[in-house]
N, C-alpha and C. Protein backbone atom coordinates (compact mmCIF):
# COMPACT_ATOMS: atom_id res chain seq x y z
N MET A 1 0.88 -1.21 0.00
CA MET A 1 -0.01 0.02 0.02
C MET A 1 0.89 1.32 0.01
N ASN A 2 0.45 2.29 -0.75
CA ASN A 2 1.21 3.44 -0.83
C ASN A 2 0.81 4.24 0.42
N LYS A 3 1.88 5.20 0.78
CA LYS A 3 1.72 5.97 2.04
C LYS A 3 0.71 7.03 1.67
N PRO A 4 -0.36 7.09 2.60
CA PRO A 4 -1.53 8.01 2.55
C PRO A 4 -0.95 9.45 2.30
N ILE A 5 -1.61 10.17 1.45
CA ILE A 5 -1.34 11.60 1.11
C ILE A 5 -2.56 12.44 1.40
N VAL A 6 -2.37 13.39 2.21
CA VAL A 6 -3.48 14.50 2.37
C VAL A 6 -3.14 15.79 1.71
N ALA A 7 -4.04 16.26 0.93
CA ALA A 7 -3.81 17.44 0.09
C ALA A 7 -4.95 18.42 0.22
N PRO A 8 -4.68 19.43 1.21
CA PRO A 8 -5.80 20.30 1.32
C PRO A 8 -6.04 21.28 0.16
N SER A 9 -7.16 21.60 0.02
CA SER A 9 -7.47 22.44 -1.29
C SER A 9 -7.68 23.81 -0.84
N ILE A 10 -6.75 24.72 -1.34
CA ILE A 10 -6.69 26.06 -1.08
C ILE A 10 -7.90 26.89 -1.44
N LEU A 11 -8.68 26.24 -2.44
CA LEU A 11 -9.88 26.88 -2.80
C LEU A 11 -10.84 27.33 -1.64
N ALA A 12 -10.77 26.46 -0.55
CA ALA A 12 -11.57 26.68 0.52
C ALA A 12 -11.01 27.68 1.61
N SER A 13 -9.91 28.16 1.29
CA SER A 13 -9.11 28.92 2.38
C SER A 13 -9.68 30.44 2.38
N ASP A 14 -9.14 31.26 3.16
CA ASP A 14 -9.40 32.63 3.27
C ASP A 14 -8.65 33.34 2.36
N PHE A 15 -9.08 33.77 1.24
CA PHE A 15 -8.19 34.44 0.28
C PHE A 15 -7.57 35.69 0.75
N ALA A 16 -8.28 36.37 1.55
CA ALA A 16 -7.83 37.53 2.26
C ALA A 16 -6.62 37.36 3.05
N ASN A 17 -6.47 36.09 3.43
CA ASN A 17 -5.35 35.74 4.43
C ASN A 17 -4.49 34.72 3.89
N LEU A 18 -4.35 34.75 2.60
CA LEU A 18 -3.67 33.53 1.83
C LEU A 18 -2.32 33.27 2.33
N GLU A 19 -1.51 34.18 2.70
CA GLU A 19 -0.07 33.98 3.12
C GLU A 19 -0.14 33.03 4.53
N ASN A 20 -0.95 33.45 5.34
CA ASN A 20 -1.06 32.75 6.71
C ASN A 20 -1.73 31.33 6.51
N GLU A 21 -2.61 31.39 5.57
CA GLU A 21 -3.18 30.02 5.35
C GLU A 21 -2.11 29.04 4.78
N VAL A 22 -1.32 29.48 3.88
CA VAL A 22 -0.28 28.70 3.37
C VAL A 22 0.67 28.28 4.35
N LYS A 23 1.07 29.26 5.25
CA LYS A 23 2.08 28.89 6.35
C LYS A 23 1.48 27.92 7.27
N MET A 24 0.17 27.98 7.67
CA MET A 24 -0.57 26.94 8.33
C MET A 24 -0.36 25.63 7.74
N LEU A 25 -0.56 25.57 6.51
CA LEU A 25 -0.21 24.19 5.83
C LEU A 25 1.07 23.64 5.94
N ASN A 26 2.03 24.78 5.70
CA ASN A 26 3.46 24.37 5.92
C ASN A 26 3.65 23.73 7.35
N ASN A 27 3.08 24.24 8.25
CA ASN A 27 3.21 23.68 9.59
C ASN A 27 2.37 22.56 10.07
N SER A 28 1.59 22.14 9.08
CA SER A 28 0.74 20.97 9.40
C SER A 28 1.31 19.66 8.67
N VAL A 29 0.64 18.46 8.96
CA VAL A 29 1.24 17.25 8.29
C VAL A 29 0.70 17.04 6.94
N ALA A 30 0.09 18.12 6.42
CA ALA A 30 -0.35 17.88 5.02
C ALA A 30 0.81 17.56 3.97
N ASP A 31 0.61 16.83 3.02
CA ASP A 31 1.69 16.38 2.17
C ASP A 31 1.70 17.29 0.90
N TRP A 32 0.65 17.70 0.36
CA TRP A 32 0.59 18.50 -0.83
C TRP A 32 -0.42 19.63 -0.63
N ILE A 33 -0.23 20.79 -1.38
CA ILE A 33 -1.17 21.74 -1.53
C ILE A 33 -2.05 21.74 -2.78
N HIS A 34 -3.33 21.46 -2.85
CA HIS A 34 -4.07 21.38 -3.85
C HIS A 34 -4.62 22.68 -4.38
N ILE A 35 -4.40 22.85 -5.62
CA ILE A 35 -4.83 24.23 -6.18
C ILE A 35 -5.83 24.02 -7.40
N ASP A 36 -7.16 24.47 -7.11
CA ASP A 36 -8.13 24.22 -8.18
C ASP A 36 -8.20 25.45 -8.99
N VAL A 37 -7.83 25.21 -10.39
CA VAL A 37 -7.78 26.38 -11.38
C VAL A 37 -9.12 26.12 -12.29
N MET A 38 -9.85 27.13 -12.21
CA MET A 38 -11.19 26.96 -13.04
C MET A 38 -11.37 28.15 -13.89
N ASP A 39 -11.87 27.97 -15.06
CA ASP A 39 -11.86 28.94 -16.26
C ASP A 39 -13.29 29.59 -16.58
N GLY A 40 -14.27 29.06 -15.79
CA GLY A 40 -15.64 29.61 -16.10
C GLY A 40 -16.18 28.96 -17.30
N VAL A 41 -15.53 27.98 -18.00
CA VAL A 41 -15.87 27.58 -19.42
C VAL A 41 -16.06 26.02 -19.15
N PHE A 42 -14.99 25.46 -18.73
CA PHE A 42 -15.17 24.04 -18.55
C PHE A 42 -15.94 23.68 -17.30
N VAL A 43 -15.73 24.47 -16.24
CA VAL A 43 -16.70 24.45 -15.11
C VAL A 43 -17.34 25.76 -14.87
N PRO A 44 -18.50 25.71 -14.21
CA PRO A 44 -19.28 27.12 -14.06
C PRO A 44 -18.88 27.89 -12.90
N ASN A 45 -17.61 28.16 -12.87
CA ASN A 45 -16.98 28.97 -11.96
C ASN A 45 -15.67 29.39 -12.39
N ILE A 46 -15.13 30.53 -11.78
CA ILE A 46 -13.66 31.03 -12.05
C ILE A 46 -13.14 31.07 -10.62
N SER A 47 -11.87 30.53 -10.56
CA SER A 47 -11.22 30.60 -9.25
C SER A 47 -10.03 31.47 -9.41
N PHE A 48 -8.79 31.07 -9.62
CA PHE A 48 -7.50 31.80 -9.73
C PHE A 48 -6.73 31.06 -10.73
N GLY A 49 -5.65 31.82 -11.23
CA GLY A 49 -4.80 31.27 -12.23
C GLY A 49 -3.41 31.34 -11.80
N ILE A 50 -2.53 31.84 -12.71
CA ILE A 50 -1.13 31.66 -12.76
C ILE A 50 -0.66 32.80 -11.56
N PRO A 51 -0.97 34.07 -11.50
CA PRO A 51 -0.35 35.00 -10.59
C PRO A 51 -0.71 34.42 -9.06
N VAL A 52 -1.81 34.04 -8.80
CA VAL A 52 -2.17 33.51 -7.48
C VAL A 52 -1.28 32.30 -7.13
N THR A 53 -1.13 31.38 -8.10
CA THR A 53 -0.37 30.22 -7.76
C THR A 53 1.03 30.64 -7.58
N GLU A 54 1.55 31.70 -8.35
CA GLU A 54 2.90 32.05 -8.13
C GLU A 54 2.93 32.74 -6.71
N ALA A 55 2.10 33.50 -6.17
CA ALA A 55 2.00 34.05 -4.75
C ALA A 55 2.07 32.94 -3.88
N ILE A 56 1.09 31.72 -3.98
CA ILE A 56 1.13 30.63 -3.13
C ILE A 56 2.48 30.11 -2.94
N ASN A 57 3.09 29.97 -4.19
CA ASN A 57 4.42 29.17 -4.25
C ASN A 57 5.52 29.95 -3.54
N ARG A 58 5.34 31.33 -3.46
CA ARG A 58 6.35 32.07 -2.68
C ARG A 58 6.44 31.74 -1.08
N HIS A 59 5.34 31.21 -0.75
CA HIS A 59 5.26 30.96 0.83
C HIS A 59 5.27 29.46 1.12
N ALA A 60 4.86 28.62 0.04
CA ALA A 60 4.56 27.18 0.30
C ALA A 60 5.96 26.39 0.33
N LYS A 61 5.91 25.51 1.32
CA LYS A 61 7.08 24.53 1.49
C LYS A 61 6.60 23.03 1.17
N LYS A 62 5.42 23.09 0.78
CA LYS A 62 4.81 21.62 0.28
C LYS A 62 4.62 21.71 -1.19
N PRO A 63 4.71 20.60 -1.85
CA PRO A 63 4.44 20.56 -3.16
C PRO A 63 3.17 20.96 -3.73
N LEU A 64 3.04 21.73 -4.76
CA LEU A 64 1.77 22.35 -5.31
C LEU A 64 1.20 21.29 -6.13
N ASP A 65 0.00 20.96 -5.96
CA ASP A 65 -0.89 19.98 -6.79
C ASP A 65 -1.84 20.78 -7.55
N VAL A 66 -1.45 21.06 -8.87
CA VAL A 66 -2.37 21.84 -9.57
C VAL A 66 -3.39 21.18 -10.46
N HIS A 67 -4.75 21.40 -10.13
CA HIS A 67 -5.76 20.74 -10.74
C HIS A 67 -6.41 21.67 -11.75
N LEU A 68 -6.15 21.42 -13.16
CA LEU A 68 -6.59 22.26 -14.04
C LEU A 68 -8.04 21.93 -14.55
N MET A 69 -9.11 22.61 -14.04
CA MET A 69 -10.44 22.38 -14.59
C MET A 69 -10.73 23.59 -15.76
N ILE A 70 -9.94 23.41 -16.78
CA ILE A 70 -10.02 24.34 -17.86
C ILE A 70 -10.06 23.53 -19.30
N GLU A 71 -10.47 24.34 -20.17
CA GLU A 71 -10.45 23.91 -21.76
C GLU A 71 -9.13 24.11 -22.11
N GLN A 72 -8.53 23.30 -23.05
CA GLN A 72 -7.31 23.41 -23.53
C GLN A 72 -6.10 23.62 -22.56
N PRO A 73 -6.06 22.78 -21.68
CA PRO A 73 -5.14 22.95 -20.68
C PRO A 73 -3.58 22.94 -21.23
N GLU A 74 -3.34 22.30 -22.44
CA GLU A 74 -2.06 22.33 -22.91
C GLU A 74 -1.44 23.71 -23.13
N ARG A 75 -2.41 24.79 -23.17
CA ARG A 75 -1.81 26.08 -23.35
C ARG A 75 -1.10 26.63 -22.19
N TYR A 76 -1.41 26.00 -21.00
CA TYR A 76 -1.04 26.68 -19.61
C TYR A 76 -0.09 25.79 -18.83
N VAL A 77 0.02 24.59 -19.14
CA VAL A 77 0.77 23.66 -18.20
C VAL A 77 2.38 24.15 -17.96
N GLU A 78 2.92 24.61 -19.02
CA GLU A 78 4.29 25.21 -18.90
C GLU A 78 4.27 26.44 -17.84
N SER A 79 3.21 27.21 -17.99
CA SER A 79 3.25 28.43 -17.20
C SER A 79 2.95 28.06 -15.75
N PHE A 80 2.17 26.99 -15.47
CA PHE A 80 1.99 26.57 -14.03
C PHE A 80 3.34 25.91 -13.59
N LYS A 81 4.10 25.07 -14.36
CA LYS A 81 5.15 24.58 -13.89
C LYS A 81 6.28 25.77 -13.52
N LYS A 82 6.20 26.69 -14.29
CA LYS A 82 7.17 27.77 -13.99
C LYS A 82 6.91 28.56 -12.75
N VAL A 83 5.58 28.39 -12.19
CA VAL A 83 5.15 29.21 -10.95
C VAL A 83 5.13 28.12 -9.89
N GLY A 84 5.65 26.89 -10.08
CA GLY A 84 5.91 26.02 -8.91
C GLY A 84 5.16 24.78 -8.79
N ALA A 85 4.37 24.43 -9.86
CA ALA A 85 3.62 23.20 -9.89
C ALA A 85 4.48 21.93 -9.80
N ALA A 86 4.26 21.08 -8.89
CA ALA A 86 5.03 19.80 -8.79
C ALA A 86 4.15 18.69 -9.55
N SER A 87 2.91 18.82 -9.49
CA SER A 87 2.04 17.81 -10.16
C SER A 87 0.86 18.66 -10.80
N ILE A 88 0.47 18.11 -12.00
CA ILE A 88 -0.52 18.82 -12.80
C ILE A 88 -1.54 17.76 -13.24
N SER A 89 -2.77 18.05 -12.86
CA SER A 89 -3.84 17.15 -13.50
C SER A 89 -4.89 17.91 -14.55
N VAL A 90 -5.15 17.18 -15.51
CA VAL A 90 -6.16 17.74 -16.54
C VAL A 90 -7.20 16.73 -16.70
N HIS A 91 -8.34 17.35 -17.15
CA HIS A 91 -9.59 16.53 -17.25
C HIS A 91 -9.54 15.81 -18.57
N TYR A 92 -9.88 14.42 -18.34
CA TYR A 92 -10.14 13.51 -19.38
C TYR A 92 -11.22 14.23 -20.40
N GLU A 93 -12.27 14.85 -19.83
CA GLU A 93 -13.31 15.43 -20.62
C GLU A 93 -12.87 16.65 -21.43
N ALA A 94 -11.68 17.36 -21.04
CA ALA A 94 -11.29 18.52 -21.71
C ALA A 94 -10.14 18.30 -22.71
N CYS A 95 -9.62 16.95 -22.80
CA CYS A 95 -8.50 16.85 -23.74
C CYS A 95 -8.92 15.92 -24.85
N LYS A 96 -8.54 16.40 -26.01
CA LYS A 96 -8.85 15.63 -27.30
C LYS A 96 -7.77 14.62 -27.43
N HIS A 97 -6.51 15.10 -26.86
CA HIS A 97 -5.27 14.20 -27.26
C HIS A 97 -4.68 14.09 -25.93
N LEU A 98 -5.40 13.25 -25.00
CA LEU A 98 -5.01 13.06 -23.62
C LEU A 98 -3.58 12.46 -23.47
N HIS A 99 -2.91 11.47 -24.18
CA HIS A 99 -1.74 10.89 -24.19
C HIS A 99 -0.59 12.10 -24.41
N ARG A 100 -0.92 12.92 -25.39
CA ARG A 100 -0.06 14.03 -25.67
C ARG A 100 -0.07 15.21 -24.54
N ASN A 101 -1.28 15.30 -23.86
CA ASN A 101 -1.14 16.01 -22.70
C ASN A 101 -0.40 15.58 -21.64
N LEU A 102 -0.44 14.41 -21.43
CA LEU A 102 0.36 13.60 -20.36
C LEU A 102 1.72 13.73 -20.67
N GLN A 103 2.20 13.52 -21.79
CA GLN A 103 3.67 13.62 -22.15
C GLN A 103 3.92 14.91 -21.97
N GLN A 104 3.32 15.86 -22.33
CA GLN A 104 3.70 17.37 -22.19
C GLN A 104 4.02 17.60 -20.66
N ILE A 105 3.07 17.29 -19.85
CA ILE A 105 3.30 17.50 -18.27
C ILE A 105 4.55 16.66 -17.88
N LYS A 106 4.74 15.44 -18.30
CA LYS A 106 5.94 14.70 -17.81
C LYS A 106 7.27 15.34 -18.33
N ASP A 107 7.20 15.84 -19.57
CA ASP A 107 8.44 16.43 -20.14
C ASP A 107 8.79 17.78 -19.34
N LEU A 108 7.91 18.10 -18.53
CA LEU A 108 8.28 19.31 -17.63
C LEU A 108 8.76 18.88 -16.26
N ASP A 109 8.85 17.60 -16.16
CA ASP A 109 9.31 17.00 -14.85
C ASP A 109 8.20 17.20 -13.60
N CYS A 110 6.83 17.26 -14.12
CA CYS A 110 5.79 17.23 -13.13
C CYS A 110 5.12 15.78 -13.14
N MET A 111 4.56 15.57 -12.02
CA MET A 111 3.60 14.33 -11.96
C MET A 111 2.54 14.66 -12.90
N ALA A 112 2.09 13.68 -13.66
CA ALA A 112 0.95 13.87 -14.58
C ALA A 112 -0.31 13.16 -14.15
N GLY A 113 -1.44 13.96 -13.88
CA GLY A 113 -2.52 13.32 -13.39
C GLY A 113 -3.81 13.54 -14.48
N VAL A 114 -4.65 12.68 -14.35
CA VAL A 114 -5.91 12.70 -15.24
C VAL A 114 -7.19 12.74 -14.22
N ALA A 115 -7.96 13.93 -14.35
CA ALA A 115 -9.14 13.97 -13.50
C ALA A 115 -10.43 13.48 -14.27
N VAL A 116 -11.29 12.86 -13.53
CA VAL A 116 -12.44 12.40 -14.26
C VAL A 116 -13.66 12.84 -13.56
N ASN A 117 -14.72 13.38 -14.22
CA ASN A 117 -15.96 13.83 -13.65
C ASN A 117 -16.86 12.64 -13.26
N PRO A 118 -17.78 12.77 -12.34
CA PRO A 118 -18.63 11.70 -11.93
C PRO A 118 -19.26 10.80 -12.84
N HIS A 119 -19.72 11.38 -14.13
CA HIS A 119 -20.19 10.62 -15.13
C HIS A 119 -19.31 9.82 -15.96
N THR A 120 -17.97 10.03 -15.86
CA THR A 120 -16.91 9.45 -16.76
C THR A 120 -16.61 8.07 -16.28
N ASN A 121 -16.76 7.11 -17.30
CA ASN A 121 -16.36 5.69 -16.90
C ASN A 121 -14.98 5.58 -16.89
N ILE A 122 -14.52 4.89 -15.71
CA ILE A 122 -13.11 4.69 -15.54
C ILE A 122 -12.44 3.74 -16.61
N GLY A 123 -13.20 2.94 -17.27
CA GLY A 123 -12.67 1.96 -18.18
C GLY A 123 -12.20 2.84 -19.42
N LEU A 124 -12.48 4.08 -19.59
CA LEU A 124 -11.89 4.88 -20.76
C LEU A 124 -10.53 5.13 -20.52
N LEU A 125 -10.01 4.86 -19.31
CA LEU A 125 -8.41 5.08 -19.06
C LEU A 125 -7.74 3.84 -19.37
N ARG A 126 -8.21 2.82 -19.73
CA ARG A 126 -7.58 1.52 -19.75
C ARG A 126 -6.35 1.58 -20.73
N ASP A 127 -6.36 2.19 -21.89
CA ASP A 127 -5.23 2.17 -22.81
C ASP A 127 -4.06 3.13 -22.37
N ILE A 128 -4.37 3.95 -21.43
CA ILE A 128 -3.16 4.87 -20.98
C ILE A 128 -2.87 4.81 -19.55
N ILE A 129 -3.51 3.87 -18.80
CA ILE A 129 -3.28 3.83 -17.40
C ILE A 129 -1.94 3.81 -16.99
N LYS A 130 -0.94 3.12 -17.63
CA LYS A 130 0.49 3.09 -17.29
C LYS A 130 1.32 4.40 -17.52
N ASP A 131 0.56 5.30 -18.21
CA ASP A 131 1.12 6.64 -18.50
C ASP A 131 0.67 7.65 -17.47
N ILE A 132 -0.22 7.37 -16.68
CA ILE A 132 -0.80 8.35 -15.75
C ILE A 132 -0.18 8.12 -14.26
N ASP A 133 0.40 9.21 -13.77
CA ASP A 133 0.99 9.08 -12.47
C ASP A 133 -0.13 9.07 -11.39
N PHE A 134 -1.27 9.73 -11.66
CA PHE A 134 -2.37 9.70 -10.53
C PHE A 134 -3.73 9.90 -11.26
N VAL A 135 -4.66 9.31 -10.96
CA VAL A 135 -6.18 9.64 -11.37
C VAL A 135 -6.75 10.34 -10.27
N CYS A 136 -7.50 11.33 -10.60
CA CYS A 136 -8.19 12.25 -9.62
C CYS A 136 -9.61 12.04 -9.87
N ILE A 137 -10.27 11.15 -9.10
CA ILE A 137 -11.74 10.89 -9.20
C ILE A 137 -12.53 11.93 -8.55
N MET A 138 -13.35 12.77 -9.36
CA MET A 138 -14.04 13.65 -8.76
C MET A 138 -15.47 13.04 -8.01
N SER A 139 -15.49 13.25 -6.76
CA SER A 139 -16.53 12.73 -6.06
C SER A 139 -17.68 13.78 -5.69
N VAL A 140 -17.62 14.97 -6.40
CA VAL A 140 -18.53 15.89 -6.54
C VAL A 140 -18.50 16.37 -8.06
N ASN A 141 -19.45 17.09 -8.52
CA ASN A 141 -19.43 17.66 -9.73
C ASN A 141 -18.56 18.94 -9.69
N PRO A 142 -17.45 19.00 -10.54
CA PRO A 142 -16.45 20.06 -10.39
C PRO A 142 -16.94 21.48 -10.56
N GLY A 143 -16.41 22.41 -9.79
CA GLY A 143 -16.79 23.89 -10.03
C GLY A 143 -17.00 24.51 -8.73
N PHE A 144 -17.42 23.88 -7.75
CA PHE A 144 -17.75 24.62 -6.46
C PHE A 144 -17.33 23.76 -5.29
N GLY A 145 -16.90 24.29 -4.18
CA GLY A 145 -16.65 23.68 -2.97
C GLY A 145 -17.75 23.36 -2.16
N GLY A 146 -17.59 22.55 -1.16
CA GLY A 146 -18.68 22.33 -0.22
C GLY A 146 -19.80 21.47 -0.69
N GLN A 147 -19.66 20.85 -1.73
CA GLN A 147 -20.85 19.90 -2.27
C GLN A 147 -20.85 18.52 -1.47
N LYS A 148 -21.98 17.88 -1.67
CA LYS A 148 -22.17 16.63 -1.03
C LYS A 148 -21.60 15.47 -1.78
N PHE A 149 -20.76 14.62 -1.16
CA PHE A 149 -20.12 13.48 -1.56
C PHE A 149 -20.94 12.59 -2.35
N ILE A 150 -20.61 12.14 -3.65
CA ILE A 150 -21.23 11.22 -4.43
C ILE A 150 -20.99 9.81 -4.02
N GLU A 151 -22.06 8.97 -3.53
CA GLU A 151 -21.84 7.59 -2.93
C GLU A 151 -21.10 6.56 -4.04
N ASN A 152 -21.45 6.88 -5.27
CA ASN A 152 -21.04 5.78 -6.32
C ASN A 152 -19.46 5.92 -6.31
N THR A 153 -18.89 6.90 -5.71
CA THR A 153 -17.40 6.93 -5.84
C THR A 153 -16.63 5.76 -5.34
N TYR A 154 -17.19 5.11 -4.35
CA TYR A 154 -16.59 3.96 -3.86
C TYR A 154 -16.36 2.71 -4.85
N SER A 155 -17.43 2.49 -5.57
CA SER A 155 -17.34 1.41 -6.49
C SER A 155 -16.32 1.95 -7.76
N LYS A 156 -16.34 3.29 -8.02
CA LYS A 156 -15.50 3.78 -9.00
C LYS A 156 -13.99 3.65 -8.65
N ILE A 157 -13.72 3.79 -7.41
CA ILE A 157 -12.29 3.66 -6.93
C ILE A 157 -12.05 2.16 -7.07
N GLU A 158 -12.87 1.43 -6.68
CA GLU A 158 -12.47 -0.12 -6.77
C GLU A 158 -12.30 -0.69 -8.16
N ALA A 159 -13.02 0.00 -9.03
CA ALA A 159 -12.84 -0.36 -10.49
C ALA A 159 -11.57 0.09 -11.07
N LEU A 160 -11.08 1.35 -10.58
CA LEU A 160 -9.92 1.93 -10.95
C LEU A 160 -8.68 1.02 -10.36
N LYS A 161 -8.82 0.63 -9.11
CA LYS A 161 -7.88 -0.13 -8.50
C LYS A 161 -7.73 -1.49 -9.23
N ARG A 162 -8.72 -2.13 -9.59
CA ARG A 162 -8.53 -3.41 -10.47
C ARG A 162 -7.89 -3.13 -11.74
N LEU A 163 -8.26 -2.01 -12.36
CA LEU A 163 -7.60 -1.58 -13.66
C LEU A 163 -6.06 -1.40 -13.55
N ILE A 164 -5.67 -0.67 -12.41
CA ILE A 164 -4.33 -0.46 -12.10
C ILE A 164 -3.53 -1.73 -11.96
N VAL A 165 -3.96 -2.61 -11.10
CA VAL A 165 -3.41 -3.86 -10.69
C VAL A 165 -3.36 -4.80 -11.99
N ASP A 166 -4.50 -4.84 -12.79
CA ASP A 166 -4.50 -5.61 -13.88
C ASP A 166 -3.42 -5.34 -14.91
N HIS A 167 -2.98 -3.95 -14.97
CA HIS A 167 -1.99 -3.61 -15.81
C HIS A 167 -0.75 -3.24 -15.27
N ASP A 168 -0.59 -3.71 -14.05
CA ASP A 168 0.73 -3.64 -13.40
C ASP A 168 1.24 -2.14 -13.34
N ALA A 169 0.35 -1.24 -13.16
CA ALA A 169 0.73 0.30 -13.19
C ALA A 169 0.92 0.65 -11.68
N LYS A 170 1.61 1.90 -11.71
CA LYS A 170 1.96 2.48 -10.23
C LYS A 170 1.13 3.76 -10.17
N THR A 171 -0.06 3.81 -10.84
CA THR A 171 -0.96 5.14 -10.72
C THR A 171 -1.55 5.16 -9.23
N LEU A 172 -1.38 6.35 -8.68
CA LEU A 172 -1.95 6.68 -7.52
C LEU A 172 -3.58 6.96 -7.77
N ILE A 173 -4.41 6.89 -6.80
CA ILE A 173 -5.70 7.23 -6.91
C ILE A 173 -6.02 8.37 -5.90
N GLN A 174 -6.41 9.46 -6.44
CA GLN A 174 -6.75 10.62 -5.73
C GLN A 174 -8.43 10.89 -5.61
N ILE A 175 -8.77 11.33 -4.47
CA ILE A 175 -10.18 11.66 -4.48
C ILE A 175 -10.39 13.12 -4.23
N ASP A 176 -11.37 13.76 -4.88
CA ASP A 176 -11.52 15.31 -4.64
C ASP A 176 -13.01 15.62 -4.66
N GLY A 177 -13.39 16.00 -3.40
CA GLY A 177 -14.83 16.44 -3.31
C GLY A 177 -15.53 15.86 -2.14
N GLY A 178 -15.94 16.66 -1.16
CA GLY A 178 -16.75 15.99 -0.01
C GLY A 178 -16.09 15.08 0.78
N VAL A 179 -14.71 15.03 0.89
CA VAL A 179 -13.98 14.29 1.70
C VAL A 179 -13.86 14.71 3.18
N ASN A 180 -14.15 13.80 4.08
CA ASN A 180 -14.27 14.18 5.56
C ASN A 180 -13.79 13.08 6.36
N GLN A 181 -13.81 13.17 7.62
CA GLN A 181 -13.16 12.21 8.48
C GLN A 181 -14.05 10.95 8.54
N ASP A 182 -15.32 11.09 8.17
CA ASP A 182 -16.28 9.94 8.16
C ASP A 182 -16.07 9.02 7.10
N ASN A 183 -15.90 9.76 5.89
CA ASN A 183 -15.86 8.77 4.61
C ASN A 183 -14.39 8.38 4.25
N ALA A 184 -13.44 8.87 4.94
CA ALA A 184 -12.06 8.84 4.73
C ALA A 184 -11.58 7.34 4.73
N PRO A 185 -11.96 6.71 5.97
CA PRO A 185 -11.62 5.30 6.14
C PRO A 185 -12.06 4.32 4.94
N LYS A 186 -13.33 4.54 4.52
CA LYS A 186 -13.95 3.70 3.45
C LYS A 186 -13.24 3.96 2.15
N LEU A 187 -12.88 5.21 1.95
CA LEU A 187 -12.17 5.67 0.64
C LEU A 187 -10.86 4.95 0.59
N VAL A 188 -10.16 4.88 1.67
CA VAL A 188 -8.79 4.36 1.71
C VAL A 188 -8.99 2.90 1.49
N GLN A 189 -9.89 2.24 2.23
CA GLN A 189 -10.10 0.92 2.04
C GLN A 189 -10.44 0.30 0.62
N ALA A 190 -11.08 1.34 -0.05
CA ALA A 190 -11.63 1.07 -1.45
C ALA A 190 -10.28 1.13 -2.32
N GLY A 191 -9.33 1.77 -1.90
CA GLY A 191 -8.10 1.92 -2.74
C GLY A 191 -7.49 3.37 -2.86
N ALA A 192 -8.07 4.28 -2.32
CA ALA A 192 -7.60 5.77 -2.55
C ALA A 192 -6.30 5.84 -1.85
N ASP A 193 -5.25 6.67 -2.36
CA ASP A 193 -3.97 7.03 -2.10
C ASP A 193 -3.93 8.41 -1.49
N VAL A 194 -4.64 9.36 -2.15
CA VAL A 194 -4.64 10.77 -1.95
C VAL A 194 -6.00 11.45 -1.72
N LEU A 195 -6.09 12.11 -0.65
CA LEU A 195 -7.43 12.66 -0.35
C LEU A 195 -7.26 14.17 -0.39
N VAL A 196 -8.17 14.87 -1.16
CA VAL A 196 -8.21 16.26 -1.23
C VAL A 196 -9.33 16.84 -0.34
N ALA A 197 -8.97 17.59 0.46
CA ALA A 197 -10.07 18.10 1.45
C ALA A 197 -10.04 19.53 1.54
N GLY A 198 -11.12 20.23 1.27
CA GLY A 198 -11.24 21.59 1.25
C GLY A 198 -12.04 22.21 2.43
N SER A 199 -13.35 22.21 2.26
CA SER A 199 -14.20 22.86 3.20
C SER A 199 -14.05 22.21 4.57
N PHE A 200 -13.82 20.91 4.51
CA PHE A 200 -13.65 20.04 5.80
C PHE A 200 -12.39 20.64 6.58
N VAL A 201 -11.34 20.95 6.05
CA VAL A 201 -10.16 21.55 6.68
C VAL A 201 -10.42 23.03 7.06
N PHE A 202 -10.74 23.77 6.13
CA PHE A 202 -10.58 25.23 6.32
C PHE A 202 -11.82 25.72 7.04
N ASN A 203 -12.84 25.00 7.23
CA ASN A 203 -14.07 25.47 7.83
C ASN A 203 -14.03 24.95 9.26
N SER A 204 -13.03 24.11 9.55
CA SER A 204 -12.89 23.66 10.90
C SER A 204 -12.39 24.75 11.96
N SER A 205 -12.56 24.61 13.21
CA SER A 205 -12.04 25.59 14.22
C SER A 205 -10.53 25.44 14.40
N ASP A 206 -9.84 24.35 13.96
CA ASP A 206 -8.55 24.10 14.05
C ASP A 206 -8.01 23.21 12.78
N PRO A 207 -7.82 23.88 11.77
CA PRO A 207 -7.39 23.17 10.47
C PRO A 207 -6.36 22.31 10.64
N LYS A 208 -5.20 22.84 11.36
CA LYS A 208 -4.02 21.84 11.48
C LYS A 208 -4.33 20.55 12.26
N HIS A 209 -5.38 20.77 13.15
CA HIS A 209 -5.66 19.46 13.95
C HIS A 209 -6.54 18.57 13.02
N THR A 210 -7.39 19.07 12.21
CA THR A 210 -8.23 18.46 11.32
C THR A 210 -7.35 17.77 10.33
N ILE A 211 -6.30 18.34 9.77
CA ILE A 211 -5.48 17.59 8.79
C ILE A 211 -4.89 16.49 9.48
N SER A 212 -4.30 16.58 10.77
CA SER A 212 -3.71 15.65 11.49
C SER A 212 -4.59 14.40 11.69
N ASP A 213 -5.89 14.67 12.18
CA ASP A 213 -6.92 13.70 12.27
C ASP A 213 -7.24 12.84 11.02
N LEU A 214 -7.29 13.61 9.89
CA LEU A 214 -7.55 12.99 8.66
C LEU A 214 -6.29 12.12 8.25
N LYS A 215 -5.15 12.52 8.51
CA LYS A 215 -3.98 11.71 8.27
C LYS A 215 -3.99 10.39 9.09
N ASN A 216 -4.29 10.59 10.25
CA ASN A 216 -4.29 9.30 11.31
C ASN A 216 -5.45 8.50 10.88
N VAL A 217 -6.64 9.01 10.36
CA VAL A 217 -7.72 8.10 9.84
C VAL A 217 -7.23 7.23 8.76
N MET A 218 -6.55 7.91 7.85
CA MET A 218 -5.84 7.21 6.64
C MET A 218 -4.86 6.21 6.92
N ASN A 219 -4.06 6.58 7.90
CA ASN A 219 -3.01 5.65 8.33
C ASN A 219 -3.56 4.36 9.00
N HIS A 220 -4.77 4.49 9.67
CA HIS A 220 -5.21 3.32 10.41
C HIS A 220 -6.49 2.75 9.73
N ALA A 221 -6.79 3.14 8.54
CA ALA A 221 -8.02 2.56 7.71
C ALA A 221 -7.78 1.02 7.25
């Protein structure tokens, strides 16, 4: 089993206090900092882009995990690498030439991820699973934080885990959306390696403690 990874989503943080929020994550047991980039086209929301990611990177001591919820992501991956991205995920639904997209990210020495929306069949990744460093399963519809977790996610994780094992791949499984301390054990037991948590972390009274609790839950699941 891979070492569990907790990746708090900065989308749920206090943007007016972003430097201190990043410093809090630096001082926590979080492994990655998850950054949701939205263009208002692929998803019905606009978040932040390259300048804000660069600002986060100035203070971050944890790897930046950049999730591109945008059309034509190939136009921007190099720019996000330049401002600090350690891993970059693109959406299956947004890429006409997904293998090419993955190679572009790998050529920049970033981990290359593929995100899939709730309606997308995991089997569509069969032919390229060995080229993917991690698959981000969306457990809510992308675009907004604080949504209710979609229960079908568990069976989707199990299907992806079988696909990974059957192809002798080293792909990690990341879950993004509605993650909390209650569903974390079941997600890990189903096969999840990386949990993205936004509102659950930043809306808590003690985010550092919440991150620590989530990490402990994952380690003992």
